[in-house]
Amino acid sequence: MTDFTDQTNDAVLFSGWIDYLLVTKRLPVEAQVFQVWWYATNPDSMNPDVDPSPWQTIFP
């Protein structure tokens, strides 16, 4: 647990919510907000052709 970080935890949470979405075809509002926050704060993890500015407007 010495190498545990919030950033690592965020990635695992994001992945878990994506898995949940694939199974249930829906997300709780809180998970939707987390998803938008993730996109805003991790643009380097997204497709380079995607413009992150809509999410970064919500979470500057």
N, C-alpha and C. Protein backbone atom coordinates (compact mmCIF):
# COMPACT_ATOMS: atom_id res chain seq x y z
N MET A 1 0.81 -1.20 0.00
CA MET A 1 0.00 0.00 0.00
C MET A 1 0.86 1.27 0.00
N THR A 2 2.15 1.15 0.07
CA THR A 2 2.99 2.34 0.09
C THR A 2 2.98 3.08 -1.24
N ASP A 3 2.67 2.37 -2.32
CA ASP A 3 2.64 3.03 -3.63
C ASP A 3 1.23 3.48 -4.03
N PHE A 4 0.28 3.39 -3.13
CA PHE A 4 -1.09 3.80 -3.39
C PHE A 4 -1.17 5.32 -3.48
N THR A 5 -1.85 5.81 -4.53
CA THR A 5 -2.04 7.25 -4.68
C THR A 5 -3.49 7.53 -5.08
N ASP A 6 -3.91 8.76 -4.89
CA ASP A 6 -5.24 9.16 -5.33
C ASP A 6 -5.38 8.99 -6.84
N GLN A 7 -4.34 9.31 -7.58
CA GLN A 7 -4.38 9.20 -9.03
C GLN A 7 -4.62 7.74 -9.46
N THR A 8 -3.96 6.81 -8.82
CA THR A 8 -4.17 5.40 -9.11
C THR A 8 -5.59 4.99 -8.76
N ASN A 9 -6.07 5.44 -7.63
CA ASN A 9 -7.43 5.14 -7.20
C ASN A 9 -8.45 5.70 -8.19
N ASP A 10 -8.23 6.92 -8.66
CA ASP A 10 -9.15 7.54 -9.62
C ASP A 10 -9.26 6.70 -10.90
N ALA A 11 -8.14 6.19 -11.37
CA ALA A 11 -8.15 5.38 -12.59
C ALA A 11 -8.94 4.09 -12.38
N VAL A 12 -8.79 3.48 -11.23
CA VAL A 12 -9.52 2.25 -10.92
C VAL A 12 -11.01 2.54 -10.80
N LEU A 13 -11.37 3.63 -10.15
CA LEU A 13 -12.78 4.01 -10.03
C LEU A 13 -13.39 4.29 -11.41
N PHE A 14 -12.66 5.00 -12.24
CA PHE A 14 -13.16 5.28 -13.59
C PHE A 14 -13.40 3.99 -14.35
N SER A 15 -12.47 3.10 -14.30
CA SER A 15 -12.60 1.81 -14.99
C SER A 15 -13.78 1.02 -14.44
N GLY A 16 -13.95 1.04 -13.14
CA GLY A 16 -15.07 0.33 -12.52
C GLY A 16 -16.41 0.88 -12.96
N TRP A 17 -16.52 2.21 -13.04
CA TRP A 17 -17.78 2.81 -13.48
C TRP A 17 -18.05 2.52 -14.95
N ILE A 18 -17.00 2.44 -15.77
CA ILE A 18 -17.19 2.07 -17.17
C ILE A 18 -17.71 0.64 -17.26
N ASP A 19 -17.15 -0.25 -16.47
CA ASP A 19 -17.63 -1.64 -16.45
C ASP A 19 -19.09 -1.69 -16.00
N TYR A 20 -19.43 -0.93 -14.99
CA TYR A 20 -20.81 -0.87 -14.50
C TYR A 20 -21.74 -0.38 -15.61
N LEU A 21 -21.32 0.66 -16.33
CA LEU A 21 -22.12 1.20 -17.43
C LEU A 21 -22.34 0.15 -18.52
N LEU A 22 -21.31 -0.60 -18.85
CA LEU A 22 -21.44 -1.62 -19.88
C LEU A 22 -22.43 -2.72 -19.48
N VAL A 23 -22.50 -3.03 -18.20
CA VAL A 23 -23.41 -4.07 -17.73
C VAL A 23 -24.83 -3.56 -17.58
N THR A 24 -24.99 -2.38 -16.99
CA THR A 24 -26.34 -1.89 -16.65
C THR A 24 -26.93 -0.95 -17.69
N LYS A 25 -26.08 -0.41 -18.57
CA LYS A 25 -26.49 0.57 -19.58
C LYS A 25 -26.95 1.89 -18.96
N ARG A 26 -26.53 2.15 -17.71
CA ARG A 26 -26.85 3.42 -17.06
C ARG A 26 -25.87 3.68 -15.93
N LEU A 27 -25.77 4.95 -15.54
CA LEU A 27 -24.88 5.35 -14.45
C LEU A 27 -25.63 6.25 -13.49
N PRO A 28 -25.36 6.13 -12.18
CA PRO A 28 -25.91 7.09 -11.24
C PRO A 28 -25.36 8.50 -11.56
N VAL A 29 -26.09 9.51 -11.17
CA VAL A 29 -25.68 10.90 -11.44
C VAL A 29 -24.28 11.15 -10.88
N GLU A 30 -24.00 10.65 -9.70
CA GLU A 30 -22.68 10.86 -9.10
C GLU A 30 -21.57 10.27 -9.97
N ALA A 31 -21.83 9.13 -10.56
CA ALA A 31 -20.83 8.51 -11.43
C ALA A 31 -20.69 9.29 -12.73
N GLN A 32 -21.77 9.87 -13.21
CA GLN A 32 -21.71 10.71 -14.41
C GLN A 32 -20.85 11.94 -14.16
N VAL A 33 -21.00 12.54 -12.99
CA VAL A 33 -20.18 13.71 -12.63
C VAL A 33 -18.72 13.29 -12.52
N PHE A 34 -18.46 12.16 -11.90
CA PHE A 34 -17.09 11.65 -11.79
C PHE A 34 -16.50 11.43 -13.18
N GLN A 35 -17.30 10.89 -14.09
CA GLN A 35 -16.83 10.63 -15.45
C GLN A 35 -16.44 11.94 -16.15
N VAL A 36 -17.27 12.96 -16.04
CA VAL A 36 -16.95 14.26 -16.65
C VAL A 36 -15.69 14.84 -16.01
N TRP A 37 -15.58 14.75 -14.69
CA TRP A 37 -14.38 15.23 -13.99
C TRP A 37 -13.14 14.49 -14.51
N TRP A 38 -13.26 13.18 -14.67
CA TRP A 38 -12.12 12.38 -15.17
C TRP A 38 -11.68 12.88 -16.55
N TYR A 39 -12.65 13.07 -17.46
CA TYR A 39 -12.31 13.56 -18.79
C TYR A 39 -11.64 14.92 -18.74
N ALA A 40 -12.09 15.79 -17.83
CA ALA A 40 -11.53 17.14 -17.72
C ALA A 40 -10.12 17.13 -17.17
N THR A 41 -9.83 16.22 -16.26
CA THR A 41 -8.53 16.23 -15.58
C THR A 41 -7.52 15.25 -16.17
N ASN A 42 -7.95 14.45 -17.13
CA ASN A 42 -7.04 13.47 -17.74
C ASN A 42 -7.12 13.49 -19.26
N PRO A 43 -6.95 14.66 -19.89
CA PRO A 43 -7.08 14.72 -21.35
C PRO A 43 -6.03 13.87 -22.07
N ASP A 44 -4.89 13.62 -21.42
CA ASP A 44 -3.85 12.81 -22.05
C ASP A 44 -4.24 11.34 -22.15
N SER A 45 -5.27 10.92 -21.40
CA SER A 45 -5.74 9.54 -21.46
C SER A 45 -6.81 9.33 -22.52
N MET A 46 -7.20 10.40 -23.17
CA MET A 46 -8.27 10.32 -24.16
C MET A 46 -7.70 10.27 -25.57
N ASN A 47 -8.56 10.00 -26.51
CA ASN A 47 -8.20 10.02 -27.93
C ASN A 47 -7.69 11.43 -28.26
N PRO A 48 -6.54 11.56 -28.90
CA PRO A 48 -6.01 12.89 -29.21
C PRO A 48 -6.89 13.71 -30.14
N ASP A 49 -7.81 13.06 -30.85
CA ASP A 49 -8.72 13.78 -31.74
C ASP A 49 -9.92 14.37 -31.01
N VAL A 50 -10.07 14.04 -29.73
CA VAL A 50 -11.20 14.54 -28.94
C VAL A 50 -10.82 15.85 -28.27
N ASP A 51 -11.69 16.82 -28.37
CA ASP A 51 -11.47 18.13 -27.75
C ASP A 51 -11.96 18.09 -26.30
N PRO A 52 -11.07 18.22 -25.31
CA PRO A 52 -11.49 18.15 -23.91
C PRO A 52 -12.07 19.45 -23.36
N SER A 53 -12.13 20.50 -24.16
CA SER A 53 -12.57 21.80 -23.63
C SER A 53 -13.98 21.81 -23.06
N PRO A 54 -14.96 21.03 -23.58
CA PRO A 54 -16.27 21.05 -22.94
C PRO A 54 -16.23 20.58 -21.49
N TRP A 55 -15.44 19.56 -21.21
CA TRP A 55 -15.33 19.06 -19.84
C TRP A 55 -14.48 19.98 -18.99
N GLN A 56 -13.46 20.57 -19.59
CA GLN A 56 -12.59 21.46 -18.83
C GLN A 56 -13.30 22.78 -18.50
N THR A 57 -14.34 23.11 -19.23
CA THR A 57 -15.17 24.28 -18.90
C THR A 57 -15.94 24.03 -17.61
N ILE A 58 -16.40 22.79 -17.44
CA ILE A 58 -17.15 22.43 -16.23
C ILE A 58 -16.21 22.27 -15.05
N PHE A 59 -15.07 21.64 -15.26
CA PHE A 59 -14.06 21.43 -14.21
C PHE A 59 -12.74 22.07 -14.65
N PRO A 60 -12.60 23.40 -14.44
CA PRO A 60 -11.37 24.07 -14.88
C PRO A 60 -10.15 23.67 -14.05
